[in-house]
Protein backbone atom coordinates (compact mmCIF):
# COMPACT_ATOMS: atom_id res chain seq x y z
CA MET A 1 -12.89 -6.13 39.46
CA ARG A 2 -14.55 -3.51 36.65
CA SER A 3 -12.55 -3.05 33.56
CA ARG A 4 -10.90 0.38 33.68
CA LYS A 5 -10.44 0.57 29.73
CA ASN A 6 -13.98 0.86 29.01
CA SER A 7 -15.69 2.37 32.46
CA ASN A 8 -15.89 5.97 30.90
CA PRO A 9 -17.56 5.71 26.91
CA ALA A 10 -16.33 9.45 26.54
CA ARG A 11 -12.95 8.72 27.71
CA ARG A 12 -12.61 5.86 25.46
CA ALA A 13 -14.13 7.71 22.43
CA ASN A 14 -11.74 10.65 22.92
CA GLN A 15 -8.56 7.52 23.21
CA LEU A 16 -10.16 6.72 19.55
CA LYS A 17 -10.41 10.14 18.27
CA ASP A 18 -6.70 10.65 19.53
CA ALA A 19 -5.51 7.46 17.59
CA VAL A 20 -7.29 8.47 14.52
CA TYR A 21 -5.76 12.09 14.29
CA ARG A 22 -2.16 10.27 15.53
CA GLU A 23 -2.49 7.95 12.28
CA MET A 24 -3.28 10.99 10.11
CA TYR A 25 -0.13 12.47 11.44
CA LEU A 26 1.73 9.95 10.49
CA LEU A 27 0.67 9.41 7.11
CA GLU A 28 0.90 12.81 6.36
CA SER A 29 4.39 13.03 7.26
CA GLY A 30 5.13 10.08 4.49
CA ARG A 31 5.78 7.12 7.07
CA LEU A 32 5.90 3.94 5.54
CA GLY A 33 2.64 1.97 5.97
CA SER A 34 1.05 4.22 7.72
CA GLU A 35 -2.14 4.12 5.47
CA MET A 36 -2.87 0.63 7.06
CA GLY A 37 -2.46 2.21 10.66
CA LEU A 38 -5.07 4.86 9.69
CA ALA A 39 -7.39 2.45 8.26
CA LEU A 40 -7.03 0.43 11.34
CA ALA A 41 -7.98 2.96 13.62
CA LEU A 42 -10.43 4.18 11.40
CA LEU A 43 -12.14 0.96 11.89
CA ARG A 44 -11.59 0.48 15.32
CA ALA A 45 -12.99 4.03 15.79
CA TRP A 46 -16.32 2.99 14.06
CA ASN A 47 -16.62 -0.33 15.44
CA GLU A 48 -16.27 1.18 19.23
CA ILE A 49 -18.27 4.43 18.75
CA GLU A 50 -21.36 2.38 16.71
CA SER A 51 -22.05 1.27 20.30
CA LEU A 52 -22.52 4.58 21.94
CA PRO A 53 -25.82 6.56 21.75
CA GLN A 54 -26.75 8.05 18.31
CA GLU A 55 -27.16 11.48 20.42
CA ASP A 56 -23.29 11.26 21.10
CA GLU A 57 -21.28 14.00 19.24
CA SER A 58 -18.74 10.94 18.26
CA HIS A 59 -21.20 9.97 15.43
CA LEU A 60 -20.83 13.50 14.16
CA TRP A 61 -17.04 13.62 14.47
CA LEU A 62 -16.70 10.08 12.69
CA ARG A 63 -19.13 10.89 9.75
CA GLN A 64 -17.14 14.04 9.30
CA ILE A 65 -13.29 12.65 9.51
CA GLY A 66 -13.72 9.32 7.92
CA PRO A 67 -14.32 10.55 4.46
CA LEU A 68 -11.34 13.00 4.67
CA CYS A 69 -9.27 9.64 6.03
CA LEU A 70 -10.27 7.57 3.07
CA LYS A 71 -9.03 10.64 0.72
CA MET A 72 -5.96 10.76 2.71
CA ILE A 73 -5.47 7.15 2.15
CA GLU A 74 -6.52 6.70 -1.39
CA ASP A 75 -4.29 9.69 -2.06
CA SER A 76 -1.33 8.07 -0.63
CA PHE A 77 -1.99 5.17 -2.42
CA ALA A 78 -1.92 6.97 -5.83
CA GLN A 79 1.26 8.67 -5.02
CA GLY A 80 3.00 5.41 -4.13
CA CYS A 81 1.77 3.82 -7.72
CA ALA A 82 2.97 7.29 -9.26
CA ARG A 83 6.35 7.37 -7.49
CA GLY A 84 6.70 3.39 -8.26
CA ALA A 85 5.74 3.88 -11.82
CA GLY A 86 8.37 6.40 -12.35
CA MET A 87 11.37 4.31 -11.49
CA GLN A 88 10.92 1.75 -13.59
């Protein structure tokens, strides 16, 4: 019996992209702990998209979105530290 989850690489790549975008939205909306969710979604995408052929457009997407996600995570942590320092 064939696994349906990974039967179509393009479909799986789209699912990974959706997960990253969903976590980006949650982080942007200020959901507590969403930094970790975005980091994990990004790592999962990186891990699975690396197994696709290099000419796949998902590689380009990952190279473009990765730095943006990292900046969002860093900025969120910086804002959290600034809020925490102001409450002391």
